[in-house]
Amino acid sequence: MHDLPNLTMDDWQVTVSEVPFPPGRVGQVHHHAGFVLAYVLEGSIATKISGQPERVYKTGEMFYEPPGSTHETSRNASATEPAKLLAMIFARKGSTLTSPGPASGAR
């Protein structure tokens, strides 16, 4: 369980997208504007968010990416089975939702 950030969400929006992870897929280091709630729809996804240990999330589980964090590890935990997650990115309207590399001032 994680506390959500204490912020005013005036002029914010949520963008929801499915992210497929074919067998063996490894994502690049990236960060998001705002914060993210990610729900695993299918399979198992290994993830590491700055300040948190790496963990494998399975179907029905979710993880949280706090504001200013870096998504350091993002990969399908299986070399043979597909995986898929539902990403909900909460950010100010007009923000670039996903950027490569670590967040500035990442922990």
PDB file of N, CA and C in Angstrom:
ATOM      1  N   MET A   1       0.844  -1.172   0.000  1.00  0.00           N
ATOM      2  CA  MET A   1       0.000   0.000   0.000  1.00  0.00           C
ATOM      3  C   MET A   1       0.894   1.241   0.000  1.00  0.00           C
ATOM      4  N   HIS A   2       0.490   2.241  -0.773  1.00  0.00           N
ATOM      5  CA  HIS A   2       1.220   3.499  -0.847  1.00  0.00           C
ATOM      6  C   HIS A   2       0.246   4.650  -0.681  1.00  0.00           C
ATOM      7  N   ASP A   3       0.691   5.705   0.005  1.00  0.00           N
ATOM      8  CA  ASP A   3      -0.103   6.922   0.068  1.00  0.00           C
ATOM      9  C   ASP A   3       0.008   7.637  -1.267  1.00  0.00           C
ATOM     10  N   LEU A   4      -1.084   8.215  -1.735  1.00  0.00           N
ATOM     11  CA  LEU A   4      -1.037   9.020  -2.944  1.00  0.00           C
ATOM     12  C   LEU A   4      -0.509  10.408  -2.587  1.00  0.00           C
ATOM     13  N   PRO A   5       0.062  11.116  -3.571  1.00  0.00           N
ATOM     14  CA  PRO A   5       0.617  12.437  -3.269  1.00  0.00           C
ATOM     15  C   PRO A   5      -0.483  13.410  -2.849  1.00  0.00           C
ATOM     16  N   ASN A   6      -0.136  14.320  -1.954  1.00  0.00           N
ATOM     17  CA  ASN A   6      -1.060  15.342  -1.496  1.00  0.00           C
ATOM     18  C   ASN A   6      -0.903  16.543  -2.423  1.00  0.00           C
ATOM     19  N   LEU A   7      -1.773  16.627  -3.427  1.00  0.00           N
ATOM     20  CA  LEU A   7      -1.673  17.710  -4.388  1.00  0.00           C
ATOM     21  C   LEU A   7      -3.040  18.075  -4.916  1.00  0.00           C
ATOM     22  N   THR A   8      -3.138  19.287  -5.406  1.00  0.00           N
ATOM     23  CA  THR A   8      -4.360  19.735  -6.053  1.00  0.00           C
ATOM     24  C   THR A   8      -4.325  19.244  -7.489  1.00  0.00           C
ATOM     25  N   MET A   9      -5.395  18.665  -7.946  1.00  0.00           N
ATOM     26  CA  MET A   9      -5.396  18.082  -9.289  1.00  0.00           C
ATOM     27  C   MET A   9      -6.145  18.954 -10.297  1.00  0.00           C
ATOM     28  N   ASP A  10      -6.231  20.260 -10.008  1.00  0.00           N
ATOM     29  CA  ASP A  10      -6.799  21.187 -10.985  1.00  0.00           C
ATOM     30  C   ASP A  10      -5.935  21.151 -12.233  1.00  0.00           C
ATOM     31  N   ASP A  11      -6.558  21.088 -13.390  1.00  0.00           N
ATOM     32  CA  ASP A  11      -5.874  21.078 -14.681  1.00  0.00           C
ATOM     33  C   ASP A  11      -5.060  19.791 -14.907  1.00  0.00           C
ATOM     34  N   TRP A  12      -5.443  18.706 -14.240  1.00  0.00           N
ATOM     35  CA  TRP A  12      -4.817  17.404 -14.443  1.00  0.00           C
ATOM     36  C   TRP A  12      -5.774  16.510 -15.228  1.00  0.00           C
ATOM     37  N   GLN A  13      -5.237  15.457 -15.782  1.00  0.00           N
ATOM     38  CA  GLN A  13      -6.045  14.454 -16.459  1.00  0.00           C
ATOM     39  C   GLN A  13      -5.422  13.087 -16.218  1.00  0.00           C
ATOM     40  N   VAL A  14      -6.201  12.043 -16.467  1.00  0.00           N
ATOM     41  CA  VAL A  14      -5.665  10.688 -16.391  1.00  0.00           C
ATOM     42  C   VAL A  14      -5.693  10.111 -17.803  1.00  0.00           C
ATOM     43  N   THR A  15      -4.593   9.492 -18.186  1.00  0.00           N
ATOM     44  CA  THR A  15      -4.491   8.821 -19.483  1.00  0.00           C
ATOM     45  C   THR A  15      -4.319   7.336 -19.191  1.00  0.00           C
ATOM     46  N   VAL A  16      -5.186   6.526 -19.771  1.00  0.00           N
ATOM     47  CA  VAL A  16      -5.175   5.083 -19.521  1.00  0.00           C
ATOM     48  C   VAL A  16      -4.794   4.368 -20.809  1.00  0.00           C
ATOM     49  N   SER A  17      -3.836   3.444 -20.720  1.00  0.00           N
ATOM     50  CA  SER A  17      -3.447   2.686 -21.907  1.00  0.00           C
ATOM     51  C   SER A  17      -3.028   1.269 -21.522  1.00  0.00           C
ATOM     52  N   GLU A  18      -3.267   0.337 -22.454  1.00  0.00           N
ATOM     53  CA  GLU A  18      -2.776  -1.026 -22.291  1.00  0.00           C
ATOM     54  C   GLU A  18      -1.349  -1.075 -22.809  1.00  0.00           C
ATOM     55  N   VAL A  19      -0.481  -1.754 -22.068  1.00  0.00           N
ATOM     56  CA  VAL A  19       0.919  -1.891 -22.466  1.00  0.00           C
ATOM     57  C   VAL A  19       1.221  -3.383 -22.611  1.00  0.00           C
ATOM     58  N   PRO A  20       1.396  -3.852 -23.858  1.00  0.00           N
ATOM     59  CA  PRO A  20       1.700  -5.274 -24.059  1.00  0.00           C
ATOM     60  C   PRO A  20       3.180  -5.570 -23.781  1.00  0.00           C
ATOM     61  N   PHE A  21       3.427  -6.719 -23.202  1.00  0.00           N
ATOM     62  CA  PHE A  21       4.788  -7.204 -22.955  1.00  0.00           C
ATOM     63  C   PHE A  21       4.893  -8.593 -23.573  1.00  0.00           C
ATOM     64  N   PRO A  22       5.295  -8.691 -24.849  1.00  0.00           N
ATOM     65  CA  PRO A  22       5.495 -10.014 -25.440  1.00  0.00           C
ATOM     66  C   PRO A  22       6.543 -10.800 -24.634  1.00  0.00           C
ATOM     67  N   PRO A  23       6.591 -12.111 -24.783  1.00  0.00           N
ATOM     68  CA  PRO A  23       7.584 -12.905 -24.054  1.00  0.00           C
ATOM     69  C   PRO A  23       8.994 -12.334 -24.214  1.00  0.00           C
ATOM     70  N   GLY A  24       9.678 -12.157 -23.090  1.00  0.00           N
ATOM     71  CA  GLY A  24      11.057 -11.678 -23.107  1.00  0.00           C
ATOM     72  C   GLY A  24      11.239 -10.183 -23.289  1.00  0.00           C
ATOM     73  N   ARG A  25      10.162  -9.400 -23.433  1.00  0.00           N
ATOM     74  CA  ARG A  25      10.307  -7.958 -23.657  1.00  0.00           C
ATOM     75  C   ARG A  25      10.927  -7.276 -22.450  1.00  0.00           C
ATOM     76  N   VAL A  26      11.904  -6.404 -22.728  1.00  0.00           N
ATOM     77  CA  VAL A  26      12.545  -5.584 -21.702  1.00  0.00           C
ATOM     78  C   VAL A  26      12.354  -4.126 -22.096  1.00  0.00           C
ATOM     79  N   GLY A  27      11.757  -3.339 -21.216  1.00  0.00           N
ATOM     80  CA  GLY A  27      11.545  -1.922 -21.468  1.00  0.00           C
ATOM     81  C   GLY A  27      12.776  -1.107 -21.108  1.00  0.00           C
ATOM     82  N   GLN A  28      12.833   0.101 -21.624  1.00  0.00           N
ATOM     83  CA  GLN A  28      13.936   1.014 -21.344  1.00  0.00           C
ATOM     84  C   GLN A  28      13.669   1.798 -20.055  1.00  0.00           C
ATOM     85  N   VAL A  29      14.736   2.302 -19.437  1.00  0.00           N
ATOM     86  CA  VAL A  29      14.605   3.176 -18.278  1.00  0.00           C
ATOM     87  C   VAL A  29      13.825   4.412 -18.719  1.00  0.00           C
ATOM     88  N   HIS A  30      12.818   4.803 -17.926  1.00  0.00           N
ATOM     89  CA  HIS A  30      11.993   5.952 -18.280  1.00  0.00           C
ATOM     90  C   HIS A  30      11.362   6.551 -17.025  1.00  0.00           C
ATOM     91  N   HIS A  31      10.704   7.683 -17.215  1.00  0.00           N
ATOM     92  CA  HIS A  31       9.954   8.301 -16.124  1.00  0.00           C
ATOM     93  C   HIS A  31       8.704   8.953 -16.709  1.00  0.00           C
ATOM     94  N   HIS A  32       7.783   9.271 -15.821  1.00  0.00           N
ATOM     95  CA  HIS A  32       6.505   9.829 -16.240  1.00  0.00           C
ATOM     96  C   HIS A  32       6.266  11.176 -15.573  1.00  0.00           C
ATOM     97  N   ALA A  33       5.448  11.980 -16.236  1.00  0.00           N
ATOM     98  CA  ALA A  33       4.935  13.196 -15.597  1.00  0.00           C
ATOM     99  C   ALA A  33       3.928  12.740 -14.537  1.00  0.00           C
ATOM    100  N   GLY A  34       3.824  13.430 -13.450  1.00  0.00           N
ATOM    101  CA  GLY A  34       2.828  13.084 -12.430  1.00  0.00           C
ATOM    102  C   GLY A  34       3.123  11.771 -11.744  1.00  0.00           C
ATOM    103  N   PHE A  35       2.081  10.936 -11.591  1.00  0.00           N
ATOM    104  CA  PHE A  35       2.263   9.632 -10.954  1.00  0.00           C
ATOM    105  C   PHE A  35       1.489   8.582 -11.737  1.00  0.00           C
ATOM    106  N   VAL A  36       1.814   7.308 -11.475  1.00  0.00           N
ATOM    107  CA  VAL A  36       1.240   6.206 -12.252  1.00  0.00           C
ATOM    108  C   VAL A  36       0.712   5.117 -11.325  1.00  0.00           C
ATOM    109  N   LEU A  37      -0.452   4.588 -11.686  1.00  0.00           N
ATOM    110  CA  LEU A  37      -0.970   3.354 -11.112  1.00  0.00           C
ATOM    111  C   LEU A  37      -0.988   2.349 -12.251  1.00  0.00           C
ATOM    112  N   ALA A  38      -0.380   1.187 -12.048  1.00  0.00           N
ATOM    113  CA  ALA A  38      -0.303   0.163 -13.098  1.00  0.00           C
ATOM    114  C   ALA A  38      -0.894  -1.136 -12.570  1.00  0.00           C
ATOM    115  N   TYR A  39      -1.804  -1.708 -13.345  1.00  0.00           N
ATOM    116  CA  TYR A  39      -2.515  -2.930 -12.978  1.00  0.00           C
ATOM    117  C   TYR A  39      -2.162  -4.018 -13.985  1.00  0.00           C
ATOM    118  N   VAL A  40      -1.708  -5.167 -13.503  1.00  0.00           N
ATOM    119  CA  VAL A  40      -1.314  -6.261 -14.390  1.00  0.00           C
ATOM    120  C   VAL A  40      -2.574  -7.012 -14.838  1.00  0.00           C
ATOM    121  N   LEU A  41      -2.843  -6.947 -16.136  1.00  0.00           N
ATOM    122  CA  LEU A  41      -4.009  -7.606 -16.721  1.00  0.00           C
ATOM    123  C   LEU A  41      -3.750  -9.072 -17.042  1.00  0.00           C
ATOM    124  N   GLU A  42      -2.487  -9.389 -17.361  1.00  0.00           N
ATOM    125  CA  GLU A  42      -2.148 -10.735 -17.827  1.00  0.00           C
ATOM    126  C   GLU A  42      -0.667 -10.995 -17.572  1.00  0.00           C
ATOM    127  N   GLY A  43      -0.328 -12.204 -17.151  1.00  0.00           N
ATOM    128  CA  GLY A  43       1.069 -12.605 -17.011  1.00  0.00           C
ATOM    129  C   GLY A  43       1.741 -12.051 -15.766  1.00  0.00           C
ATOM    130  N   SER A  44       3.070 -11.898 -15.866  1.00  0.00           N
ATOM    131  CA  SER A  44       3.901 -11.421 -14.755  1.00  0.00           C
ATOM    132  C   SER A  44       4.879 -10.386 -15.282  1.00  0.00           C
ATOM    133  N   ILE A  45       4.991  -9.274 -14.563  1.00  0.00           N
ATOM    134  CA  ILE A  45       5.876  -8.179 -14.981  1.00  0.00           C
ATOM    135  C   ILE A  45       6.824  -7.845 -13.844  1.00  0.00           C
ATOM    136  N   ALA A  46       8.134  -7.864 -14.144  1.00  0.00           N
ATOM    137  CA  ALA A  46       9.150  -7.464 -13.166  1.00  0.00           C
ATOM    138  C   ALA A  46       9.342  -5.961 -13.300  1.00  0.00           C
ATOM    139  N   THR A  47       9.324  -5.281 -12.169  1.00  0.00           N
ATOM    140  CA  THR A  47       9.474  -3.829 -12.203  1.00  0.00           C
ATOM    141  C   THR A  47      10.283  -3.351 -11.012  1.00  0.00           C
ATOM    142  N   LYS A  48      11.006  -2.265 -11.234  1.00  0.00           N
ATOM    143  CA  LYS A  48      11.726  -1.594 -10.148  1.00  0.00           C
ATOM    144  C   LYS A  48      11.547  -0.106 -10.334  1.00  0.00           C
ATOM    145  N   ILE A  49      11.001   0.516  -9.321  1.00  0.00           N
ATOM    146  CA  ILE A  49      10.812   1.965  -9.285  1.00  0.00           C
ATOM    147  C   ILE A  49      11.837   2.516  -8.308  1.00  0.00           C
ATOM    148  N   SER A  50      12.460   3.658  -8.626  1.00  0.00           N
ATOM    149  CA  SER A  50      13.474   4.221  -7.730  1.00  0.00           C
ATOM    150  C   SER A  50      12.923   4.304  -6.300  1.00  0.00           C
ATOM    151  N   GLY A  51      13.757   3.894  -5.356  1.00  0.00           N
ATOM    152  CA  GLY A  51      13.368   3.912  -3.950  1.00  0.00           C
ATOM    153  C   GLY A  51      12.583   2.680  -3.508  1.00  0.00           C
ATOM    154  N   GLN A  52      12.300   1.759  -4.430  1.00  0.00           N
ATOM    155  CA  GLN A  52      11.567   0.536  -4.103  1.00  0.00           C
ATOM    156  C   GLN A  52      12.389  -0.665  -4.580  1.00  0.00           C
ATOM    157  N   PRO A  53      12.238  -1.824  -3.932  1.00  0.00           N
ATOM    158  CA  PRO A  53      12.942  -3.014  -4.413  1.00  0.00           C
ATOM    159  C   PRO A  53      12.313  -3.534  -5.700  1.00  0.00           C
ATOM    160  N   GLU A  54      13.091  -4.270  -6.498  1.00  0.00           N
ATOM    161  CA  GLU A  54      12.518  -4.922  -7.680  1.00  0.00           C
ATOM    162  C   GLU A  54      11.545  -5.988  -7.218  1.00  0.00           C
ATOM    163  N   ARG A  55      10.449  -6.117  -7.958  1.00  0.00           N
ATOM    164  CA  ARG A  55       9.423  -7.099  -7.590  1.00  0.00           C
ATOM    165  C   ARG A  55       8.711  -7.582  -8.845  1.00  0.00           C
ATOM    166  N   VAL A  56       8.238  -8.813  -8.806  1.00  0.00           N
ATOM    167  CA  VAL A  56       7.429  -9.356  -9.898  1.00  0.00           C
ATOM    168  C   VAL A  56       5.965  -9.222  -9.490  1.00  0.00           C
ATOM    169  N   TYR A  57       5.190  -8.576 -10.357  1.00  0.00           N
ATOM    170  CA  TYR A  57       3.753  -8.396 -10.152  1.00  0.00           C
ATOM    171  C   TYR A  57       3.019  -9.335 -11.098  1.00  0.00           C
ATOM    172  N   LYS A  58       2.012 -10.026 -10.563  1.00  0.00           N
ATOM    173  CA  LYS A  58       1.263 -11.014 -11.336  1.00  0.00           C
ATOM    174  C   LYS A  58      -0.146 -10.503 -11.629  1.00  0.00           C
ATOM    175  N   THR A  59      -0.841 -11.213 -12.506  1.00  0.00           N
ATOM    176  CA  THR A  59      -2.205 -10.853 -12.875  1.00  0.00           C
ATOM    177  C   THR A  59      -3.025 -10.484 -11.640  1.00  0.00           C
ATOM    178  N   GLY A  60      -3.676  -9.317 -11.706  1.00  0.00           N
ATOM    179  CA  GLY A  60      -4.523  -8.859 -10.609  1.00  0.00           C
ATOM    180  C   GLY A  60      -3.812  -7.986  -9.592  1.00  0.00           C
ATOM    181  N   GLU A  61      -2.495  -7.847  -9.695  1.00  0.00           N
ATOM    182  CA  GLU A  61      -1.746  -6.995  -8.769  1.00  0.00           C
ATOM    183  C   GLU A  61      -1.454  -5.657  -9.428  1.00  0.00           C
ATOM    184  N   MET A  62      -1.154  -4.651  -8.598  1.00  0.00           N
ATOM    185  CA  MET A  62      -0.824  -3.342  -9.153  1.00  0.00           C
ATOM    186  C   MET A  62       0.363  -2.731  -8.438  1.00  0.00           C
ATOM    187  N   PHE A  63       0.986  -1.758  -9.122  1.00  0.00           N
ATOM    188  CA  PHE A  63       2.089  -1.023  -8.504  1.00  0.00           C
ATOM    189  C   PHE A  63       1.907   0.468  -8.749  1.00  0.00           C
ATOM    190  N   TYR A  64       2.650   1.249  -7.970  1.00  0.00           N
ATOM    191  CA  TYR A  64       2.538   2.706  -7.943  1.00  0.00           C
ATOM    192  C   TYR A  64       3.890   3.317  -8.257  1.00  0.00           C
ATOM    193  N   GLU A  65       3.889   4.318  -9.126  1.00  0.00           N
ATOM    194  CA  GLU A  65       5.099   5.099  -9.424  1.00  0.00           C
ATOM    195  C   GLU A  65       4.869   6.517  -8.912  1.00  0.00           C
ATOM    196  N   PRO A  66       5.552   6.904  -7.819  1.00  0.00           N
ATOM    197  CA  PRO A  66       5.350   8.238  -7.259  1.00  0.00           C
ATOM    198  C   PRO A  66       5.871   9.350  -8.182  1.00  0.00           C
ATOM    199  N   PRO A  67       5.404  10.567  -7.980  1.00  0.00           N
ATOM    200  CA  PRO A  67       5.930  11.695  -8.754  1.00  0.00           C
ATOM    201  C   PRO A  67       7.443  11.798  -8.585  1.00  0.00           C
ATOM    202  N   GLY A  68       8.160  12.072  -9.680  1.00  0.00           N
ATOM    203  CA  GLY A  68       9.610  12.254  -9.628  1.00  0.00           C
ATOM    204  C   GLY A  68      10.414  10.975  -9.582  1.00  0.00           C
ATOM    205  N   SER A  69       9.748   9.826  -9.711  1.00  0.00           N
ATOM    206  CA  SER A  69      10.483   8.554  -9.655  1.00  0.00           C
ATOM    207  C   SER A  69      10.902   8.114 -11.052  1.00  0.00           C
ATOM    208  N   THR A  70      11.831   7.168 -11.080  1.00  0.00           N
ATOM    209  CA  THR A  70      12.302   6.584 -12.337  1.00  0.00           C
ATOM    210  C   THR A  70      11.885   5.124 -12.382  1.00  0.00           C
ATOM    211  N   HIS A  71      11.350   4.695 -13.523  1.00  0.00           N
ATOM    212  CA  HIS A  71      11.010   3.291 -13.724  1.00  0.00           C
ATOM    213  C   HIS A  71      12.285   2.627 -14.254  1.00  0.00           C
ATOM    214  N   GLU A  72      13.051   2.033 -13.341  1.00  0.00           N
ATOM    215  CA  GLU A  72      14.388   1.521 -13.643  1.00  0.00           C
ATOM    216  C   GLU A  72      14.361   0.170 -14.343  1.00  0.00           C
ATOM    217  N   THR A  73      13.412  -0.697 -13.971  1.00  0.00           N
ATOM    218  CA  THR A  73      13.279  -2.014 -14.574  1.00  0.00           C
ATOM    219  C   THR A  73      11.838  -2.202 -14.996  1.00  0.00           C
ATOM    220  N   SER A  74      11.652  -2.705 -16.206  1.00  0.00           N
ATOM    221  CA  SER A  74      10.320  -2.964 -16.730  1.00  0.00           C
ATOM    222  C   SER A  74      10.461  -4.100 -17.743  1.00  0.00           C
ATOM    223  N   ARG A  75      10.059  -5.325 -17.340  1.00  0.00           N
ATOM    224  CA  ARG A  75      10.228  -6.446 -18.261  1.00  0.00           C
ATOM    225  C   ARG A  75       9.203  -7.530 -17.984  1.00  0.00           C
ATOM    226  N   ASN A  76       8.932  -8.294 -19.036  1.00  0.00           N
ATOM    227  CA  ASN A  76       8.106  -9.474 -18.889  1.00  0.00           C
ATOM    228  C   ASN A  76       8.935 -10.489 -18.100  1.00  0.00           C
ATOM    229  N   ALA A  77       8.367 -11.004 -17.019  1.00  0.00           N
ATOM    230  CA  ALA A  77       9.100 -11.955 -16.179  1.00  0.00           C
ATOM    231  C   ALA A  77       9.212 -13.334 -16.828  1.00  0.00           C
ATOM    232  N   SER A  78       8.506 -13.535 -17.939  1.00  0.00           N
ATOM    233  CA  SER A  78       8.535 -14.830 -18.622  1.00  0.00           C
ATOM    234  C   SER A  78       9.159 -14.702 -20.008  1.00  0.00           C
ATOM    235  N   ALA A  79       9.939 -15.693 -20.373  1.00  0.00           N
ATOM    236  CA  ALA A  79      10.515 -15.740 -21.729  1.00  0.00           C
ATOM    237  C   ALA A  79       9.563 -16.422 -22.708  1.00  0.00           C
ATOM    238  N   THR A  80       8.454 -16.998 -22.197  1.00  0.00           N
ATOM    239  CA  THR A  80       7.561 -17.766 -23.076  1.00  0.00           C
ATOM    240  C   THR A  80       6.103 -17.294 -23.065  1.00  0.00           C
ATOM    241  N   GLU A  81       5.658 -16.626 -22.013  1.00  0.00           N
ATOM    242  CA  GLU A  81       4.254 -16.222 -21.888  1.00  0.00           C
ATOM    243  C   GLU A  81       4.111 -14.704 -22.038  1.00  0.00           C
ATOM    244  N   PRO A  82       3.074 -14.231 -22.735  1.00  0.00           N
ATOM    245  CA  PRO A  82       2.860 -12.787 -22.847  1.00  0.00           C
ATOM    246  C   PRO A  82       2.375 -12.193 -21.532  1.00  0.00           C
ATOM    247  N   ALA A  83       2.522 -10.892 -21.396  1.00  0.00           N
ATOM    248  CA  ALA A  83       2.013 -10.152 -20.240  1.00  0.00           C
ATOM    249  C   ALA A  83       1.434  -8.839 -20.751  1.00  0.00           C
ATOM    250  N   LYS A  84       0.586  -8.234 -19.928  1.00  0.00           N
ATOM    251  CA  LYS A  84      -0.026  -6.972 -20.319  1.00  0.00           C
ATOM    252  C   LYS A  84      -0.399  -6.203 -19.062  1.00  0.00           C
ATOM    253  N   LEU A  85      -0.181  -4.888 -19.080  1.00  0.00           N
ATOM    254  CA  LEU A  85      -0.621  -4.082 -17.953  1.00  0.00           C
ATOM    255  C   LEU A  85      -1.469  -2.920 -18.428  1.00  0.00           C
ATOM    256  N   LEU A  86      -2.251  -2.388 -17.508  1.00  0.00           N
ATOM    257  CA  LEU A  86      -3.060  -1.204 -17.735  1.00  0.00           C
ATOM    258  C   LEU A  86      -2.386  -0.076 -16.968  1.00  0.00           C
ATOM    259  N   ALA A  87      -1.884   0.916 -17.676  1.00  0.00           N
ATOM    260  CA  ALA A  87      -1.186   2.043 -17.057  1.00  0.00           C
ATOM    261  C   ALA A  87      -2.118   3.237 -16.984  1.00  0.00           C
ATOM    262  N   MET A  88      -2.250   3.806 -15.799  1.00  0.00           N
ATOM    263  CA  MET A  88      -3.056   5.004 -15.582  1.00  0.00           C
ATOM    264  C   MET A  88      -2.095   6.115 -15.162  1.00  0.00           C
ATOM    265  N   ILE A  89      -1.832   7.047 -16.075  1.00  0.00           N
ATOM    266  CA  ILE A  89      -0.882   8.127 -15.815  1.00  0.00           C
ATOM    267  C   ILE A  89      -1.674   9.386 -15.463  1.00  0.00           C
ATOM    268  N   PHE A  90      -1.482   9.875 -14.248  1.00  0.00           N
ATOM    269  CA  PHE A  90      -2.122  11.097 -13.773  1.00  0.00           C
ATOM    270  C   PHE A  90      -1.109  12.226 -13.910  1.00  0.00           C
ATOM    271  N   ALA A  91      -1.420  13.230 -14.734  1.00  0.00           N
ATOM    272  CA  ALA A  91      -0.464  14.307 -14.996  1.00  0.00           C
ATOM    273  C   ALA A  91      -1.206  15.582 -15.408  1.00  0.00           C
ATOM    274  N   ARG A  92      -0.502  16.701 -15.329  1.00  0.00           N
ATOM    275  CA  ARG A  92      -1.070  17.971 -15.789  1.00  0.00           C
ATOM    276  C   ARG A  92      -1.390  17.870 -17.272  1.00  0.00           C
ATOM    277  N   LYS A  93      -2.482  18.477 -17.681  1.00  0.00           N
ATOM    278  CA  LYS A  93      -2.867  18.499 -19.090  1.00  0.00           C
ATOM    279  C   LYS A  93      -1.727  19.079 -19.915  1.00  0.00           C
ATOM    280  N   GLY A  94      -1.442  18.454 -21.050  1.00  0.00           N
ATOM    281  CA  GLY A  94      -0.400  18.936 -21.949  1.00  0.00           C
ATOM    282  C   GLY A  94       0.998  18.458 -21.619  1.00  0.00           C
ATOM    283  N   SER A  95       1.177  17.720 -20.529  1.00  0.00           N
ATOM    284  CA  SER A  95       2.505  17.212 -20.157  1.00  0.00           C
ATOM    285  C   SER A  95       2.939  16.103 -21.103  1.00  0.00           C
ATOM    286  N   THR A  96       4.251  15.964 -21.272  1.00  0.00           N
ATOM    287  CA  THR A  96       4.799  14.788 -21.953  1.00  0.00           C
ATOM    288  C   THR A  96       4.680  13.646 -20.955  1.00  0.00           C
ATOM    289  N   LEU A  97       3.879  12.638 -21.278  1.00  0.00           N
ATOM    290  CA  LEU A  97       3.559  11.601 -20.298  1.00  0.00           C
ATOM    291  C   LEU A  97       4.705  10.666 -19.971  1.00  0.00           C
ATOM    292  N   THR A  98       5.503  10.288 -20.978  1.00  0.00           N
ATOM    293  CA  THR A  98       6.603   9.357 -20.777  1.00  0.00           C
ATOM    294  C   THR A  98       7.848   9.907 -21.430  1.00  0.00           C
ATOM    295  N   SER A  99       8.964   9.914 -20.684  1.00  0.00           N
ATOM    296  CA  SER A  99      10.243  10.409 -21.203  1.00  0.00           C
ATOM    297  C   SER A  99      11.322   9.378 -20.933  1.00  0.00           C
ATOM    298  N   PRO A 100      12.296   9.228 -21.849  1.00  0.00           N
ATOM    299  CA  PRO A 100      13.374   8.265 -21.625  1.00  0.00           C
ATOM    300  C   PRO A 100      14.319   8.740 -20.526  1.00  0.00           C
ATOM    301  N   GLY A 101      15.002   7.778 -19.926  1.00  0.00           N
ATOM    302  CA  GLY A 101      16.029   8.078 -18.927  1.00  0.00           C
ATOM    303  C   GLY A 101      15.453   8.364 -17.556  1.00  0.00           C
ATOM    304  N   PRO A 102      16.358   8.632 -16.605  1.00  0.00           N
ATOM    305  CA  PRO A 102      15.918   8.899 -15.231  1.00  0.00           C
ATOM    306  C   PRO A 102      15.268  10.270 -15.091  1.00  0.00           C
ATOM    307  N   ALA A 103      14.405  10.383 -14.095  1.00  0.00           N
ATOM    308  CA  ALA A 103      13.787  11.672 -13.779  1.00  0.00           C
ATOM    309  C   ALA A 103      14.855  12.588 -13.217  1.00  0.00           C
ATOM    310  N   SER A 104      14.753  13.870 -13.488  1.00  0.00           N
ATOM    311  CA  SER A 104      15.728  14.809 -12.910  1.00  0.00           C
ATOM    312  C   SER A 104      15.558  14.799 -11.404  1.00  0.00           C
ATOM    313  N   GLY A 105      16.658  14.735 -10.693  1.00  0.00           N
ATOM    314  CA  GLY A 105      16.629  14.660  -9.251  1.00  0.00           C
ATOM    315  C   GLY A 105      16.126  13.326  -8.735  1.00  0.00           C
ATOM    316  N   ALA A 106      16.190  12.287  -9.583  1.00  0.00           N
ATOM    317  CA  ALA A 106      15.703  10.955  -9.168  1.00  0.00           C
ATOM    318  C   ALA A 106      16.489  10.470  -7.965  1.00  0.00           C
ATOM    319  N   ARG A 107      15.748   9.784  -7.097  1.00  0.00           N
ATOM    320  CA  ARG A 107      16.369   9.265  -5.873  1.00  0.00           C
ATOM    321  C   ARG A 107      17.198   8.057  -6.146  1.00  0.00           C
TER     322      ARG A 107
END
